[in-house]
Amino acid sequence: LEHCAICHGENADGQGPRRPSLSPPPANFRDPSWHVRSSSARTWQIVRDGKPGTPMPSWKPVLSPSETWDVVAYLHSVAGEPRGPGT
């Protein structure tokens, strides 16, 4: 809530107050398709280093490696179960 909700929303659904001004918009971590496309290692790297070409900043100066893994675990837990084709 302290660092991420302003963009990603309090429910991690990409609907934070800054969303309208961001391009591309923030990720919706509740979307099961996000979970299918995103490995924990890649998510960790994006949180630590930011994502070039997007508004996603690096949180390396703010979050320890352990705290970053906690964020990754949370993000992957809210996505729900991945859905296969036709479900």
PDB file of N, CA and C in Angstrom:
ATOM      1  N   LEU A   1       0.817  -1.206   0.000  1.00  0.00           N
ATOM      2  CA  LEU A   1       0.000   0.000   0.000  1.00  0.00           C
ATOM      3  C   LEU A   1       0.853   1.260   0.000  1.00  0.00           C
ATOM      4  N   GLU A   2       1.962   1.203   0.700  1.00  0.00           N
ATOM      5  CA  GLU A   2       2.808   2.390   0.829  1.00  0.00           C
ATOM      6  C   GLU A   2       3.460   2.798  -0.487  1.00  0.00           C
ATOM      7  N   HIS A   3       3.949   1.841  -1.249  1.00  0.00           N
ATOM      8  CA  HIS A   3       4.727   2.172  -2.443  1.00  0.00           C
ATOM      9  C   HIS A   3       4.017   1.865  -3.764  1.00  0.00           C
ATOM     10  N   CYS A   4       3.152   0.879  -3.781  1.00  0.00           N
ATOM     11  CA  CYS A   4       2.636   0.363  -5.051  1.00  0.00           C
ATOM     12  C   CYS A   4       1.207   0.790  -5.391  1.00  0.00           C
ATOM     13  N   ALA A   5       0.388   1.028  -4.359  1.00  0.00           N
ATOM     14  CA  ALA A   5      -1.042   1.263  -4.577  1.00  0.00           C
ATOM     15  C   ALA A   5      -1.330   2.528  -5.382  1.00  0.00           C
ATOM     16  N   ILE A   6      -0.465   3.517  -5.328  1.00  0.00           N
ATOM     17  CA  ILE A   6      -0.696   4.752  -6.070  1.00  0.00           C
ATOM     18  C   ILE A   6      -0.843   4.483  -7.572  1.00  0.00           C
ATOM     19  N   CYS A   7      -0.160   3.466  -8.066  1.00  0.00           N
ATOM     20  CA  CYS A   7      -0.259   3.094  -9.479  1.00  0.00           C
ATOM     21  C   CYS A   7      -1.077   1.810  -9.680  1.00  0.00           C
ATOM     22  N   HIS A   8      -0.769   0.778  -8.885  1.00  0.00           N
ATOM     23  CA  HIS A   8      -1.374  -0.540  -9.080  1.00  0.00           C
ATOM     24  C   HIS A   8      -2.681  -0.732  -8.329  1.00  0.00           C
ATOM     25  N   GLY A   9      -3.072   0.213  -7.489  1.00  0.00           N
ATOM     26  CA  GLY A   9      -4.338   0.132  -6.767  1.00  0.00           C
ATOM     27  C   GLY A   9      -4.229  -0.643  -5.467  1.00  0.00           C
ATOM     28  N   GLU A  10      -5.128  -0.339  -4.551  1.00  0.00           N
ATOM     29  CA  GLU A  10      -5.134  -1.005  -3.251  1.00  0.00           C
ATOM     30  C   GLU A  10      -5.444  -2.492  -3.369  1.00  0.00           C
ATOM     31  N   ASN A  11      -6.078  -2.894  -4.468  1.00  0.00           N
ATOM     32  CA  ASN A  11      -6.419  -4.300  -4.689  1.00  0.00           C
ATOM     33  C   ASN A  11      -5.494  -4.973  -5.698  1.00  0.00           C
ATOM     34  N   ALA A  12      -4.390  -4.302  -6.060  1.00  0.00           N
ATOM     35  CA  ALA A  12      -3.419  -4.825  -7.033  1.00  0.00           C
ATOM     36  C   ALA A  12      -4.058  -5.103  -8.391  1.00  0.00           C
ATOM     37  N   ASP A  13      -5.085  -4.321  -8.722  1.00  0.00           N
ATOM     38  CA  ASP A  13      -5.820  -4.532  -9.967  1.00  0.00           C
ATOM     39  C   ASP A  13      -5.475  -3.527 -11.068  1.00  0.00           C
ATOM     40  N   GLY A  14      -4.414  -2.742 -10.850  1.00  0.00           N
ATOM     41  CA  GLY A  14      -3.992  -1.764 -11.853  1.00  0.00           C
ATOM     42  C   GLY A  14      -4.838  -0.511 -11.885  1.00  0.00           C
ATOM     43  N   GLN A  15      -5.672  -0.300 -10.875  1.00  0.00           N
ATOM     44  CA  GLN A  15      -6.615   0.821 -10.882  1.00  0.00           C
ATOM     45  C   GLN A  15      -6.265   1.893  -9.850  1.00  0.00           C
ATOM     46  N   GLY A  16      -4.973   2.162  -9.662  1.00  0.00           N
ATOM     47  CA  GLY A  16      -4.559   3.196  -8.721  1.00  0.00           C
ATOM     48  C   GLY A  16      -4.870   4.597  -9.223  1.00  0.00           C
ATOM     49  N   PRO A  17      -4.812   5.592  -8.352  1.00  0.00           N
ATOM     50  CA  PRO A  17      -5.150   6.959  -8.739  1.00  0.00           C
ATOM     51  C   PRO A  17      -4.271   7.538  -9.853  1.00  0.00           C
ATOM     52  N   ARG A  18      -3.053   7.065  -9.996  1.00  0.00           N
ATOM     53  CA  ARG A  18      -2.185   7.575 -11.075  1.00  0.00           C
ATOM     54  C   ARG A  18      -2.421   6.889 -12.416  1.00  0.00           C
ATOM     55  N   ARG A  19      -3.199   5.835 -12.455  1.00  0.00           N
ATOM     56  CA  ARG A  19      -3.404   5.057 -13.673  1.00  0.00           C
ATOM     57  C   ARG A  19      -3.720   5.907 -14.900  1.00  0.00           C
ATOM     58  N   PRO A  20      -4.651   6.876 -14.815  1.00  0.00           N
ATOM     59  CA  PRO A  20      -5.007   7.632 -16.024  1.00  0.00           C
ATOM     60  C   PRO A  20      -3.837   8.351 -16.690  1.00  0.00           C
ATOM     61  N   SER A  21      -2.816   8.682 -15.925  1.00  0.00           N
ATOM     62  CA  SER A  21      -1.700   9.435 -16.498  1.00  0.00           C
ATOM     63  C   SER A  21      -0.531   8.542 -16.900  1.00  0.00           C
ATOM     64  N   LEU A  22      -0.657   7.245 -16.760  1.00  0.00           N
ATOM     65  CA  LEU A  22       0.465   6.341 -17.046  1.00  0.00           C
ATOM     66  C   LEU A  22       0.289   5.616 -18.369  1.00  0.00           C
ATOM     67  N   SER A  23       1.362   5.567 -19.135  1.00  0.00           N
ATOM     68  CA  SER A  23       1.359   4.836 -20.400  1.00  0.00           C
ATOM     69  C   SER A  23       2.678   4.091 -20.537  1.00  0.00           C
ATOM     70  N   PRO A  24       2.606   2.785 -20.628  1.00  0.00           N
ATOM     71  CA  PRO A  24       1.424   1.943 -20.559  1.00  0.00           C
ATOM     72  C   PRO A  24       0.853   1.918 -19.153  1.00  0.00           C
ATOM     73  N   PRO A  25      -0.418   1.485 -19.023  1.00  0.00           N
ATOM     74  CA  PRO A  25      -1.028   1.450 -17.694  1.00  0.00           C
ATOM     75  C   PRO A  25      -0.356   0.405 -16.804  1.00  0.00           C
ATOM     76  N   PRO A  26      -0.500   0.544 -15.493  1.00  0.00           N
ATOM     77  CA  PRO A  26       0.104  -0.414 -14.565  1.00  0.00           C
ATOM     78  C   PRO A  26      -0.506  -1.803 -14.713  1.00  0.00           C
ATOM     79  N   ALA A  27       0.279  -2.798 -14.357  1.00  0.00           N
ATOM     80  CA  ALA A  27      -0.174  -4.187 -14.443  1.00  0.00           C
ATOM     81  C   ALA A  27      -1.337  -4.439 -13.493  1.00  0.00           C
ATOM     82  N   ASN A  28      -2.242  -5.294 -13.946  1.00  0.00           N
ATOM     83  CA  ASN A  28      -3.332  -5.803 -13.118  1.00  0.00           C
ATOM     84  C   ASN A  28      -2.893  -7.178 -12.627  1.00  0.00           C
ATOM     85  N   PHE A  29      -2.435  -7.239 -11.385  1.00  0.00           N
ATOM     86  CA  PHE A  29      -1.902  -8.484 -10.847  1.00  0.00           C
ATOM     87  C   PHE A  29      -3.000  -9.479 -10.485  1.00  0.00           C
ATOM     88  N   ARG A  30      -4.244  -9.081 -10.550  1.00  0.00           N
ATOM     89  CA  ARG A  30      -5.362  -9.990 -10.279  1.00  0.00           C
ATOM     90  C   ARG A  30      -5.776 -10.761 -11.526  1.00  0.00           C
ATOM     91  N   ASP A  31      -5.267 -10.367 -12.653  1.00  0.00           N
ATOM     92  CA  ASP A  31      -5.586 -11.033 -13.916  1.00  0.00           C
ATOM     93  C   ASP A  31      -4.794 -12.338 -14.007  1.00  0.00           C
ATOM     94  N   PRO A  32      -5.468 -13.496 -14.029  1.00  0.00           N
ATOM     95  CA  PRO A  32      -4.735 -14.764 -14.102  1.00  0.00           C
ATOM     96  C   PRO A  32      -3.783 -14.850 -15.295  1.00  0.00           C
ATOM     97  N   SER A  33      -4.088 -14.141 -16.383  1.00  0.00           N
ATOM     98  CA  SER A  33      -3.172 -14.189 -17.531  1.00  0.00           C
ATOM     99  C   SER A  33      -1.839 -13.534 -17.199  1.00  0.00           C
ATOM    100  N   TRP A  34      -1.837 -12.555 -16.283  1.00  0.00           N
ATOM    101  CA  TRP A  34      -0.563 -11.971 -15.844  1.00  0.00           C
ATOM    102  C   TRP A  34       0.287 -13.044 -15.175  1.00  0.00           C
ATOM    103  N   HIS A  35      -0.342 -13.845 -14.339  1.00  0.00           N
ATOM    104  CA  HIS A  35       0.379 -14.903 -13.621  1.00  0.00           C
ATOM    105  C   HIS A  35       0.996 -15.910 -14.591  1.00  0.00           C
ATOM    106  N   VAL A  36       0.283 -16.240 -15.642  1.00  0.00           N
ATOM    107  CA  VAL A  36       0.773 -17.195 -16.640  1.00  0.00           C
ATOM    108  C   VAL A  36       2.003 -16.642 -17.362  1.00  0.00           C
ATOM    109  N   ARG A  37       2.003 -15.330 -17.620  1.00  0.00           N
ATOM    110  CA  ARG A  37       3.087 -14.704 -18.383  1.00  0.00           C
ATOM    111  C   ARG A  37       4.293 -14.324 -17.533  1.00  0.00           C
ATOM    112  N   SER A  38       4.187 -14.383 -16.212  1.00  0.00           N
ATOM    113  CA  SER A  38       5.202 -13.789 -15.346  1.00  0.00           C
ATOM    114  C   SER A  38       5.816 -14.796 -14.383  1.00  0.00           C
ATOM    115  N   SER A  39       7.100 -15.005 -14.498  1.00  0.00           N
ATOM    116  CA  SER A  39       7.792 -15.858 -13.537  1.00  0.00           C
ATOM    117  C   SER A  39       8.137 -15.035 -12.299  1.00  0.00           C
ATOM    118  N   SER A  40       8.339 -15.715 -11.189  1.00  0.00           N
ATOM    119  CA  SER A  40       8.732 -15.024  -9.960  1.00  0.00           C
ATOM    120  C   SER A  40      10.064 -14.312 -10.135  1.00  0.00           C
ATOM    121  N   ALA A  41      10.999 -14.944 -10.832  1.00  0.00           N
ATOM    122  CA  ALA A  41      12.322 -14.336 -11.039  1.00  0.00           C
ATOM    123  C   ALA A  41      12.207 -13.045 -11.856  1.00  0.00           C
ATOM    124  N   ARG A  42      11.384 -13.070 -12.892  1.00  0.00           N
ATOM    125  CA  ARG A  42      11.206 -11.872 -13.729  1.00  0.00           C
ATOM    126  C   ARG A  42      10.504 -10.762 -12.942  1.00  0.00           C
ATOM    127  N   THR A  43       9.507 -11.128 -12.151  1.00  0.00           N
ATOM    128  CA  THR A  43       8.811 -10.140 -11.333  1.00  0.00           C
ATOM    129  C   THR A  43       9.780  -9.503 -10.348  1.00  0.00           C
ATOM    130  N   TRP A  44      10.630 -10.316  -9.723  1.00  0.00           N
ATOM    131  CA  TRP A  44      11.621  -9.802  -8.769  1.00  0.00           C
ATOM    132  C   TRP A  44      12.525  -8.782  -9.459  1.00  0.00           C
ATOM    133  N   GLN A  45      12.981  -9.127 -10.653  1.00  0.00           N
ATOM    134  CA  GLN A  45      13.888  -8.237 -11.384  1.00  0.00           C
ATOM    135  C   GLN A  45      13.195  -6.917 -11.738  1.00  0.00           C
ATOM    136  N   ILE A  46      11.949  -6.969 -12.138  1.00  0.00           N
ATOM    137  CA  ILE A  46      11.231  -5.745 -12.491  1.00  0.00           C
ATOM    138  C   ILE A  46      11.029  -4.870 -11.260  1.00  0.00           C
ATOM    139  N   VAL A  47      10.660  -5.475 -10.131  1.00  0.00           N
ATOM    140  CA  VAL A  47      10.490  -4.685  -8.907  1.00  0.00           C
ATOM    141  C   VAL A  47      11.819  -4.055  -8.504  1.00  0.00           C
ATOM    142  N   ARG A  48      12.897  -4.800  -8.590  1.00  0.00           N
ATOM    143  CA  ARG A  48      14.215  -4.289  -8.194  1.00  0.00           C
ATOM    144  C   ARG A  48      14.756  -3.236  -9.150  1.00  0.00           C
ATOM    145  N   ASP A  49      14.650  -3.494 -10.460  1.00  0.00           N
ATOM    146  CA  ASP A  49      15.322  -2.654 -11.460  1.00  0.00           C
ATOM    147  C   ASP A  49      14.404  -1.713 -12.229  1.00  0.00           C
ATOM    148  N   GLY A  50      13.092  -1.862 -12.081  1.00  0.00           N
ATOM    149  CA  GLY A  50      12.166  -1.091 -12.886  1.00  0.00           C
ATOM    150  C   GLY A  50      11.986  -1.749 -14.249  1.00  0.00           C
ATOM    151  N   LYS A  51      11.171  -1.145 -15.076  1.00  0.00           N
ATOM    152  CA  LYS A  51      10.914  -1.696 -16.411  1.00  0.00           C
ATOM    153  C   LYS A  51      11.108  -0.588 -17.437  1.00  0.00           C
ATOM    154  N   PRO A  52      12.220  -0.641 -18.187  1.00  0.00           N
ATOM    155  CA  PRO A  52      12.500   0.400 -19.182  1.00  0.00           C
ATOM    156  C   PRO A  52      11.338   0.589 -20.162  1.00  0.00           C
ATOM    157  N   GLY A  53      11.101   1.824 -20.523  1.00  0.00           N
ATOM    158  CA  GLY A  53      10.035   2.140 -21.471  1.00  0.00           C
ATOM    159  C   GLY A  53       8.662   2.223 -20.839  1.00  0.00           C
ATOM    160  N   THR A  54       8.620   2.098 -19.512  1.00  0.00           N
ATOM    161  CA  THR A  54       7.355   2.194 -18.790  1.00  0.00           C
ATOM    162  C   THR A  54       7.553   3.116 -17.587  1.00  0.00           C
ATOM    163  N   PRO A  55       6.462   3.492 -16.916  1.00  0.00           N
ATOM    164  CA  PRO A  55       6.605   4.307 -15.702  1.00  0.00           C
ATOM    165  C   PRO A  55       7.068   3.511 -14.476  1.00  0.00           C
ATOM    166  N   MET A  56       7.266   2.191 -14.614  1.00  0.00           N
ATOM    167  CA  MET A  56       7.651   1.363 -13.460  1.00  0.00           C
ATOM    168  C   MET A  56       9.077   1.679 -13.032  1.00  0.00           C
ATOM    169  N   PRO A  57       9.227   2.285 -11.811  1.00  0.00           N
ATOM    170  CA  PRO A  57      10.563   2.648 -11.332  1.00  0.00           C
ATOM    171  C   PRO A  57      11.259   1.476 -10.645  1.00  0.00           C
ATOM    172  N   SER A  58      12.517   1.651 -10.386  1.00  0.00           N
ATOM    173  CA  SER A  58      13.287   0.700  -9.583  1.00  0.00           C
ATOM    174  C   SER A  58      12.960   0.930  -8.118  1.00  0.00           C
ATOM    175  N   TRP A  59      12.730  -0.156  -7.396  1.00  0.00           N
ATOM    176  CA  TRP A  59      12.503  -0.074  -5.955  1.00  0.00           C
ATOM    177  C   TRP A  59      13.715  -0.572  -5.183  1.00  0.00           C
ATOM    178  N   LYS A  60      14.820  -0.779  -5.892  1.00  0.00           N
ATOM    179  CA  LYS A  60      16.053  -1.251  -5.253  1.00  0.00           C
ATOM    180  C   LYS A  60      16.512  -0.356  -4.098  1.00  0.00           C
ATOM    181  N   PRO A  61      16.405   0.988  -4.229  1.00  0.00           N
ATOM    182  CA  PRO A  61      16.841   1.837  -3.116  1.00  0.00           C
ATOM    183  C   PRO A  61      15.920   1.761  -1.894  1.00  0.00           C
ATOM    184  N   VAL A  62      14.714   1.236  -2.074  1.00  0.00           N
ATOM    185  CA  VAL A  62      13.708   1.260  -1.009  1.00  0.00           C
ATOM    186  C   VAL A  62      13.507  -0.109  -0.356  1.00  0.00           C
ATOM    187  N   LEU A  63      13.506  -1.156  -1.171  1.00  0.00           N
ATOM    188  CA  LEU A  63      13.202  -2.503  -0.681  1.00  0.00           C
ATOM    189  C   LEU A  63      14.454  -3.373  -0.628  1.00  0.00           C
ATOM    190  N   SER A  64      14.628  -4.083   0.462  1.00  0.00           N
ATOM    191  CA  SER A  64      15.720  -5.051   0.565  1.00  0.00           C
ATOM    192  C   SER A  64      15.403  -6.237  -0.349  1.00  0.00           C
ATOM    193  N   PRO A  65      16.389  -7.082  -0.653  1.00  0.00           N
ATOM    194  CA  PRO A  65      16.088  -8.282  -1.444  1.00  0.00           C
ATOM    195  C   PRO A  65      14.984  -9.135  -0.809  1.00  0.00           C
ATOM    196  N   SER A  66      15.011  -9.294   0.504  1.00  0.00           N
ATOM    197  CA  SER A  66      13.984 -10.076   1.192  1.00  0.00           C
ATOM    198  C   SER A  66      12.605  -9.434   1.062  1.00  0.00           C
ATOM    199  N   GLU A  67      12.537  -8.128   1.223  1.00  0.00           N
ATOM    200  CA  GLU A  67      11.262  -7.429   1.063  1.00  0.00           C
ATOM    201  C   GLU A  67      10.757  -7.538  -0.374  1.00  0.00           C
ATOM    202  N   THR A  68      11.678  -7.525  -1.329  1.00  0.00           N
ATOM    203  CA  THR A  68      11.292  -7.679  -2.732  1.00  0.00           C
ATOM    204  C   THR A  68      10.663  -9.045  -2.959  1.00  0.00           C
ATOM    205  N   TRP A  69      11.244 -10.091  -2.378  1.00  0.00           N
ATOM    206  CA  TRP A  69      10.649 -11.431  -2.502  1.00  0.00           C
ATOM    207  C   TRP A  69       9.273 -11.476  -1.855  1.00  0.00           C
ATOM    208  N   ASP A  70       9.075 -10.752  -0.757  1.00  0.00           N
ATOM    209  CA  ASP A  70       7.750 -10.689  -0.126  1.00  0.00           C
ATOM    210  C   ASP A  70       6.737 -10.060  -1.083  1.00  0.00           C
ATOM    211  N   VAL A  71       7.135  -8.996  -1.761  1.00  0.00           N
ATOM    212  CA  VAL A  71       6.255  -8.352  -2.744  1.00  0.00           C
ATOM    213  C   VAL A  71       5.933  -9.327  -3.874  1.00  0.00           C
ATOM    214  N   VAL A  72       6.936 -10.022  -4.371  1.00  0.00           N
ATOM    215  CA  VAL A  72       6.736 -10.994  -5.456  1.00  0.00           C
ATOM    216  C   VAL A  72       5.754 -12.080  -5.020  1.00  0.00           C
ATOM    217  N   ALA A  73       5.922 -12.608  -3.815  1.00  0.00           N
ATOM    218  CA  ALA A  73       5.014 -13.651  -3.316  1.00  0.00           C
ATOM    219  C   ALA A  73       3.582 -13.125  -3.252  1.00  0.00           C
ATOM    220  N   TYR A  74       3.429 -11.905  -2.772  1.00  0.00           N
ATOM    221  CA  TYR A  74       2.093 -11.304  -2.702  1.00  0.00           C
ATOM    222  C   TYR A  74       1.496 -11.164  -4.103  1.00  0.00           C
ATOM    223  N   LEU A  75       2.252 -10.599  -5.023  1.00  0.00           N
ATOM    224  CA  LEU A  75       1.731 -10.367  -6.376  1.00  0.00           C
ATOM    225  C   LEU A  75       1.299 -11.670  -7.033  1.00  0.00           C
ATOM    226  N   HIS A  76       2.090 -12.708  -6.884  1.00  0.00           N
ATOM    227  CA  HIS A  76       1.735 -13.988  -7.503  1.00  0.00           C
ATOM    228  C   HIS A  76       0.585 -14.672  -6.766  1.00  0.00           C
ATOM    229  N   SER A  77       0.369 -14.330  -5.502  1.00  0.00           N
ATOM    230  CA  SER A  77      -0.747 -14.933  -4.769  1.00  0.00           C
ATOM    231  C   SER A  77      -2.080 -14.298  -5.138  1.00  0.00           C
ATOM    232  N   VAL A  78      -2.106 -13.009  -5.462  1.00  0.00           N
ATOM    233  CA  VAL A  78      -3.377 -12.349  -5.769  1.00  0.00           C
ATOM    234  C   VAL A  78      -3.873 -12.643  -7.177  1.00  0.00           C
ATOM    235  N   ALA A  79      -3.023 -13.190  -8.020  1.00  0.00           N
ATOM    236  CA  ALA A  79      -3.407 -13.448  -9.402  1.00  0.00           C
ATOM    237  C   ALA A  79      -4.446 -14.556  -9.520  1.00  0.00           C
ATOM    238  N   GLY A  80      -4.549 -15.408  -8.537  1.00  0.00           N
ATOM    239  CA  GLY A  80      -5.491 -16.516  -8.640  1.00  0.00           C
ATOM    240  C   GLY A  80      -4.908 -17.628  -9.485  1.00  0.00           C
ATOM    241  N   GLU A  81      -5.711 -18.590  -9.735  1.00  0.00           N
ATOM    242  CA  GLU A  81      -5.266 -19.747 -10.513  1.00  0.00           C
ATOM    243  C   GLU A  81      -5.201 -19.388 -11.990  1.00  0.00           C
ATOM    244  N   PRO A  82      -4.092 -19.752 -12.651  1.00  0.00           N
ATOM    245  CA  PRO A  82      -4.031 -19.532 -14.104  1.00  0.00           C
ATOM    246  C   PRO A  82      -5.139 -20.318 -14.800  1.00  0.00           C
ATOM    247  N   ARG A  83      -5.680 -19.739 -15.849  1.00  0.00           N
ATOM    248  CA  ARG A  83      -6.726 -20.395 -16.615  1.00  0.00           C
ATOM    249  C   ARG A  83      -6.185 -20.853 -17.947  1.00  0.00           C
ATOM    250  N   GLY A  84      -6.547 -22.029 -18.342  1.00  0.00           N
ATOM    251  CA  GLY A  84      -6.147 -22.550 -19.644  1.00  0.00           C
ATOM    252  C   GLY A  84      -7.128 -22.112 -20.716  1.00  0.00           C
ATOM    253  N   PRO A  85      -6.830 -22.426 -21.965  1.00  0.00           N
ATOM    254  CA  PRO A  85      -7.720 -22.078 -23.067  1.00  0.00           C
ATOM    255  C   PRO A  85      -9.107 -22.695 -22.862  1.00  0.00           C
ATOM    256  N   GLY A  86     -10.128 -21.916 -23.133  1.00  0.00           N
ATOM    257  CA  GLY A  86     -11.482 -22.420 -23.068  1.00  0.00           C
ATOM    258  C   GLY A  86     -12.076 -22.501 -21.674  1.00  0.00           C
ATOM    259  N   THR A  87     -11.390 -21.942 -20.657  1.00  0.00           N
ATOM    260  CA  THR A  87     -11.965 -22.006 -19.308  1.00  0.00           C
ATOM    261  C   THR A  87     -12.443 -20.650 -18.867  1.00  0.00           C
TER     262      THR A  87
END
